[in-house]
Amino acid sequence: MLLNKPEQQLRRDLQGIASDLRWSAVDIKVIAERLHQAGNPADAQALLRMCEVFEKTEARLVSYANEVKAHKINLST
């Protein structure tokens, strides 16, 4: 069964936000490494904890997008 337009848009939005979180985490990890090398391990650790939250949220959003695709979450027009 095909997705209707609102479901397609929801799936695209969920995937897009998940991708944004993934790339934000990658960038933040680079900054955290620089902070650590500059002698600021406490702030580096704080950023890495933030990345963990981003990664968990990304996984949840991808899961929701997959549920939309499998019609476990649907929107009626």
N, C-alpha and C. Protein backbone atom coordinates (compact mmCIF):
# COMPACT_ATOMS: atom_id res chain seq x y z
N MET A 1 0.84 -1.17 0.00
CA MET A 1 0.00 0.00 0.00
C MET A 1 0.89 1.25 0.00
N LEU A 2 0.54 2.18 -0.86
CA LEU A 2 1.34 3.40 -0.99
C LEU A 2 1.01 4.39 0.11
N LEU A 3 1.96 5.25 0.40
CA LEU A 3 1.75 6.30 1.38
C LEU A 3 0.99 7.45 0.74
N ASN A 4 0.07 8.04 1.51
CA ASN A 4 -0.59 9.24 1.00
C ASN A 4 0.36 10.43 1.16
N LYS A 5 -0.03 11.56 0.60
CA LYS A 5 0.88 12.73 0.61
C LYS A 5 1.27 13.17 2.02
N PRO A 6 0.34 13.28 2.97
CA PRO A 6 0.76 13.67 4.33
C PRO A 6 1.72 12.66 4.95
N GLU A 7 1.52 11.38 4.70
CA GLU A 7 2.43 10.36 5.23
C GLU A 7 3.80 10.46 4.58
N GLN A 8 3.83 10.71 3.28
CA GLN A 8 5.10 10.89 2.59
C GLN A 8 5.86 12.08 3.18
N GLN A 9 5.14 13.18 3.41
CA GLN A 9 5.78 14.38 3.96
C GLN A 9 6.28 14.14 5.37
N LEU A 10 5.47 13.46 6.19
CA LEU A 10 5.89 13.14 7.55
C LEU A 10 7.15 12.28 7.52
N ARG A 11 7.17 11.27 6.68
CA ARG A 11 8.34 10.39 6.59
C ARG A 11 9.58 11.18 6.16
N ARG A 12 9.42 12.03 5.15
CA ARG A 12 10.54 12.86 4.69
C ARG A 12 11.03 13.78 5.79
N ASP A 13 10.10 14.39 6.51
CA ASP A 13 10.47 15.30 7.60
C ASP A 13 11.23 14.55 8.70
N LEU A 14 10.72 13.39 9.09
CA LEU A 14 11.39 12.60 10.13
C LEU A 14 12.80 12.20 9.70
N GLN A 15 12.93 11.76 8.46
CA GLN A 15 14.25 11.38 7.95
C GLN A 15 15.18 12.58 7.87
N GLY A 16 14.66 13.72 7.45
CA GLY A 16 15.47 14.93 7.34
C GLY A 16 15.98 15.41 8.69
N ILE A 17 15.09 15.41 9.67
CA ILE A 17 15.50 15.83 11.01
C ILE A 17 16.52 14.86 11.59
N ALA A 18 16.30 13.57 11.37
CA ALA A 18 17.27 12.57 11.84
C ALA A 18 18.63 12.79 11.21
N SER A 19 18.64 13.09 9.93
CA SER A 19 19.90 13.36 9.24
C SER A 19 20.59 14.61 9.78
N ASP A 20 19.80 15.65 10.04
CA ASP A 20 20.36 16.87 10.63
C ASP A 20 21.01 16.59 11.98
N LEU A 21 20.34 15.77 12.80
CA LEU A 21 20.90 15.42 14.10
C LEU A 21 22.20 14.62 13.94
N ARG A 22 22.22 13.70 12.98
CA ARG A 22 23.42 12.89 12.76
C ARG A 22 24.60 13.77 12.41
N TRP A 23 24.40 14.70 11.46
CA TRP A 23 25.51 15.55 11.03
C TRP A 23 25.90 16.56 12.11
N SER A 24 24.93 17.00 12.90
CA SER A 24 25.25 17.89 14.02
C SER A 24 26.13 17.17 15.03
N ALA A 25 25.80 15.91 15.30
CA ALA A 25 26.60 15.12 16.24
C ALA A 25 28.02 14.94 15.72
N VAL A 26 28.17 14.71 14.43
CA VAL A 26 29.50 14.55 13.83
C VAL A 26 30.31 15.83 14.04
N ASP A 27 29.69 16.98 13.75
CA ASP A 27 30.39 18.26 13.91
C ASP A 27 30.74 18.53 15.37
N ILE A 28 29.82 18.22 16.26
CA ILE A 28 30.07 18.46 17.69
C ILE A 28 31.18 17.56 18.21
N LYS A 29 31.26 16.34 17.70
CA LYS A 29 32.35 15.44 18.12
C LYS A 29 33.71 16.01 17.72
N VAL A 30 33.78 16.64 16.56
CA VAL A 30 35.03 17.27 16.13
C VAL A 30 35.39 18.41 17.09
N ILE A 31 34.41 19.20 17.45
CA ILE A 31 34.65 20.29 18.40
C ILE A 31 35.07 19.74 19.76
N ALA A 32 34.41 18.67 20.18
CA ALA A 32 34.76 18.05 21.47
C ALA A 32 36.21 17.55 21.46
N GLU A 33 36.64 16.98 20.37
CA GLU A 33 38.02 16.50 20.28
C GLU A 33 38.99 17.68 20.38
N ARG A 34 38.66 18.78 19.72
CA ARG A 34 39.52 19.97 19.80
C ARG A 34 39.57 20.52 21.22
N LEU A 35 38.43 20.54 21.89
CA LEU A 35 38.40 21.00 23.28
C LEU A 35 39.26 20.11 24.17
N HIS A 36 39.15 18.81 23.96
CA HIS A 36 39.94 17.86 24.75
C HIS A 36 41.44 18.09 24.53
N GLN A 37 41.82 18.26 23.27
CA GLN A 37 43.22 18.49 22.94
C GLN A 37 43.71 19.83 23.49
N ALA A 38 42.81 20.78 23.63
CA ALA A 38 43.18 22.10 24.14
C ALA A 38 43.20 22.13 25.66
N GLY A 39 42.95 20.99 26.29
CA GLY A 39 43.01 20.93 27.74
C GLY A 39 41.70 21.24 28.45
N ASN A 40 40.61 21.02 27.77
CA ASN A 40 39.30 21.28 28.36
C ASN A 40 38.43 20.02 28.29
N PRO A 41 38.83 18.98 29.02
CA PRO A 41 38.10 17.71 28.92
C PRO A 41 36.68 17.76 29.48
N ALA A 42 36.42 18.62 30.46
CA ALA A 42 35.07 18.69 31.03
C ALA A 42 34.05 19.15 29.99
N ASP A 43 34.40 20.21 29.26
CA ASP A 43 33.49 20.68 28.22
C ASP A 43 33.39 19.67 27.07
N ALA A 44 34.49 19.01 26.76
CA ALA A 44 34.48 17.98 25.72
C ALA A 44 33.52 16.86 26.10
N GLN A 45 33.56 16.44 27.35
CA GLN A 45 32.66 15.38 27.82
C GLN A 45 31.20 15.83 27.75
N ALA A 46 30.95 17.08 28.10
CA ALA A 46 29.58 17.61 28.03
C ALA A 46 29.05 17.55 26.60
N LEU A 47 29.90 17.91 25.65
CA LEU A 47 29.49 17.85 24.25
C LEU A 47 29.26 16.41 23.79
N LEU A 48 30.08 15.50 24.26
CA LEU A 48 29.90 14.10 23.88
C LEU A 48 28.60 13.53 24.46
N ARG A 49 28.23 13.97 25.66
CA ARG A 49 26.94 13.55 26.22
C ARG A 49 25.78 14.10 25.38
N MET A 50 25.95 15.32 24.89
CA MET A 50 24.95 15.91 24.01
C MET A 50 24.82 15.07 22.73
N CYS A 51 25.94 14.62 22.22
CA CYS A 51 25.93 13.78 21.02
C CYS A 51 25.19 12.48 21.25
N GLU A 52 25.34 11.92 22.43
CA GLU A 52 24.61 10.69 22.75
C GLU A 52 23.10 10.92 22.69
N VAL A 53 22.65 12.05 23.19
CA VAL A 53 21.23 12.39 23.13
C VAL A 53 20.80 12.54 21.68
N PHE A 54 21.60 13.23 20.88
CA PHE A 54 21.29 13.40 19.46
C PHE A 54 21.18 12.05 18.77
N GLU A 55 22.12 11.16 19.05
CA GLU A 55 22.13 9.85 18.39
C GLU A 55 20.92 9.01 18.79
N LYS A 56 20.53 9.06 20.06
CA LYS A 56 19.34 8.32 20.49
C LYS A 56 18.08 8.89 19.85
N THR A 57 18.02 10.20 19.78
CA THR A 57 16.86 10.85 19.16
C THR A 57 16.82 10.55 17.67
N GLU A 58 17.97 10.55 17.03
CA GLU A 58 18.04 10.20 15.61
C GLU A 58 17.48 8.81 15.38
N ALA A 59 17.89 7.86 16.21
CA ALA A 59 17.42 6.49 16.07
C ALA A 59 15.90 6.40 16.24
N ARG A 60 15.36 7.16 17.20
CA ARG A 60 13.91 7.15 17.40
C ARG A 60 13.18 7.72 16.18
N LEU A 61 13.71 8.79 15.62
CA LEU A 61 13.08 9.40 14.46
C LEU A 61 13.12 8.47 13.25
N VAL A 62 14.23 7.78 13.06
CA VAL A 62 14.33 6.82 11.96
C VAL A 62 13.32 5.69 12.18
N SER A 63 13.18 5.26 13.42
CA SER A 63 12.20 4.22 13.74
C SER A 63 10.78 4.69 13.42
N TYR A 64 10.47 5.92 13.79
CA TYR A 64 9.15 6.47 13.47
C TYR A 64 8.93 6.54 11.96
N ALA A 65 9.96 6.97 11.22
CA ALA A 65 9.85 7.03 9.76
C ALA A 65 9.58 5.65 9.19
N ASN A 66 10.24 4.63 9.74
CA ASN A 66 10.00 3.26 9.27
C ASN A 66 8.59 2.80 9.61
N GLU A 67 8.07 3.24 10.76
CA GLU A 67 6.69 2.89 11.13
C GLU A 67 5.69 3.56 10.20
N VAL A 68 5.98 4.78 9.77
CA VAL A 68 5.11 5.44 8.80
C VAL A 68 5.11 4.63 7.51
N LYS A 69 6.29 4.24 7.07
CA LYS A 69 6.41 3.46 5.82
C LYS A 69 5.66 2.14 5.92
N ALA A 70 5.67 1.52 7.10
CA ALA A 70 5.00 0.22 7.30
C ALA A 70 3.53 0.40 7.67
N HIS A 71 3.04 1.63 7.63
CA HIS A 71 1.64 1.96 7.94
C HIS A 71 1.26 1.66 9.37
N LYS A 72 2.24 1.65 10.26
CA LYS A 72 1.94 1.54 11.69
C LYS A 72 1.55 2.90 12.25
N ILE A 73 2.06 3.94 11.60
CA ILE A 73 1.64 5.32 11.88
C ILE A 73 1.07 5.84 10.57
N ASN A 74 -0.16 6.28 10.60
CA ASN A 74 -0.73 6.80 9.35
C ASN A 74 -1.50 8.07 9.60
N LEU A 75 -1.62 8.84 8.57
CA LEU A 75 -2.35 10.09 8.61
C LEU A 75 -3.45 10.02 7.56
N SER A 76 -4.63 10.36 7.92
CA SER A 76 -5.69 10.37 6.94
C SER A 76 -5.82 11.78 6.38
N THR A 77 -6.18 11.88 5.15
CA THR A 77 -6.30 13.18 4.50
C THR A 77 -7.65 13.79 4.73
